[in-house]
Amino acid sequence: MKVTLCYALPQRQYLEEMDVADGCTVEEAIALSHIHEAFPELEISALGKGIFGKLVKGTQPLHEGDRIELYRPLPRKPRDARAVTDKKARIRQKKEAVKAQD
């Protein structure tokens, strides 16, 4: 059966289509892939794994057409990043309002 393995960095993407045996698991498919050659420094056991955006365990059996996704850790949670951006925008607005009054 055909499955796809994907991994993305901000500046680079990796996609590999593979033929695997029926009953193959996520971990087995990753082991059969060539991602280790493309990213030798990558510690795959530390990454999150999913199928079409849903987190799964490595023992999850695959189905025809599944897309295995490897998730890298984010430097900061998206909610925290938005909060910082919003706070900076509020400060900027206050400064502009003070300048407008002068």
Protein backbone atom coordinates (compact mmCIF):
# COMPACT_ATOMS: atom_id res chain seq x y z
CA MET A 1 0.00 0.00 0.00
CA LYS A 2 1.14 3.56 -0.61
CA VAL A 3 1.74 6.03 2.24
CA THR A 4 3.50 9.38 2.45
CA LEU A 5 5.95 10.57 5.08
CA CYS A 6 6.38 14.31 5.62
CA TYR A 7 8.52 16.52 7.81
CA ALA A 8 8.86 20.29 7.57
CA LEU A 9 11.33 22.87 8.76
CA PRO A 10 10.80 26.61 8.24
CA GLN A 11 13.10 26.61 5.22
CA ARG A 12 12.85 23.00 3.99
CA GLN A 13 10.22 20.31 3.47
CA TYR A 14 10.64 16.57 3.13
CA LEU A 15 8.05 14.35 1.42
CA GLU A 16 8.55 10.70 0.64
CA GLU A 17 6.00 8.40 -0.97
CA MET A 18 6.56 4.78 -0.05
CA ASP A 19 5.15 1.34 -0.68
CA VAL A 20 4.76 -0.57 2.58
CA ALA A 21 3.30 -3.94 3.46
CA ASP A 22 -0.26 -4.26 4.72
CA GLY A 23 -0.36 -4.00 8.51
CA CYS A 24 2.75 -1.80 8.63
CA THR A 25 2.88 0.58 11.61
CA VAL A 26 3.94 4.22 11.77
CA GLU A 27 7.29 3.30 13.39
CA GLU A 28 7.99 0.61 10.81
CA ALA A 29 7.27 2.96 7.93
CA ILE A 30 9.57 5.61 9.40
CA ALA A 31 12.32 2.99 9.76
CA LEU A 32 11.87 2.00 6.10
CA SER A 33 12.02 5.61 4.91
CA HIS A 34 15.08 7.58 3.85
CA ILE A 35 14.48 10.45 6.28
CA HIS A 36 17.53 9.37 8.31
CA GLU A 37 19.69 10.09 5.26
CA ALA A 38 18.08 13.49 4.62
CA PHE A 39 18.25 14.55 8.30
CA PRO A 40 21.01 12.55 10.04
CA GLU A 41 20.92 14.84 13.09
CA LEU A 42 17.18 14.27 13.61
CA GLU A 43 16.14 12.42 16.79
CA ILE A 44 12.94 10.88 15.42
CA SER A 45 11.96 9.17 18.66
CA ALA A 46 11.63 12.62 20.29
CA LEU A 47 9.25 13.95 17.62
CA GLY A 48 5.48 13.82 17.69
CA LYS A 49 3.87 11.61 15.07
CA GLY A 50 0.52 11.96 13.40
CA ILE A 51 -1.65 10.93 10.49
CA PHE A 52 -3.42 13.76 8.69
CA GLY A 53 -2.99 16.15 11.63
CA LYS A 54 -4.11 13.76 14.36
CA LEU A 55 -1.53 12.59 16.92
CA VAL A 56 -0.97 8.83 16.92
CA LYS A 57 1.34 6.35 18.61
CA GLY A 58 4.11 4.63 16.69
CA THR A 59 2.22 1.35 16.93
CA GLN A 60 -0.71 2.75 14.90
CA PRO A 61 -1.33 0.55 11.83
CA LEU A 62 -1.38 2.36 8.51
CA HIS A 63 -4.02 2.38 5.79
CA GLU A 64 -3.77 3.02 2.06
CA GLY A 65 -3.04 6.68 1.34
CA ASP A 66 -2.16 7.71 4.91
CA ARG A 67 0.15 10.71 5.35
CA ILE A 68 2.54 10.23 8.27
CA GLU A 69 3.57 13.57 9.74
CA LEU A 70 6.53 14.19 12.03
CA TYR A 71 6.04 17.18 14.31
CA ARG A 72 9.00 19.22 15.52
CA PRO A 73 8.72 21.10 18.80
CA LEU A 74 7.73 24.74 18.49
CA PRO A 75 10.01 27.34 20.05
CA ARG A 76 6.98 28.84 21.78
CA LYS A 77 3.31 28.04 21.98
CA PRO A 78 1.25 29.84 19.32
CA ARG A 79 -1.03 31.31 22.00
CA ASP A 80 1.97 32.79 23.84
CA ALA A 81 3.38 34.24 20.62
CA ARG A 82 0.03 35.93 19.85
CA ALA A 83 -0.14 37.34 23.37
CA VAL A 84 3.29 38.96 22.98
CA THR A 85 2.33 40.39 19.58
CA ASP A 86 -0.95 41.76 20.97
CA LYS A 87 0.83 43.37 23.92
CA LYS A 88 3.34 45.07 21.61
CA ALA A 89 0.48 46.37 19.46
CA ARG A 90 -1.29 47.83 22.52
CA ILE A 91 1.91 49.57 23.65
CA ARG A 92 2.45 50.95 20.12
CA GLN A 93 -1.12 52.30 20.04
CA LYS A 94 -0.67 54.04 23.40
CA LYS A 95 2.56 55.67 22.20
CA GLU A 96 0.90 56.85 19.01
CA ALA A 97 -2.04 58.24 20.99
CA VAL A 98 0.32 60.20 23.26
CA LYS A 99 2.18 61.60 20.21
CA ALA A 100 -1.13 62.61 18.62
CA GLN A 101 -2.08 64.58 21.75
CA ASP A 102 1.20 66.54 21.73
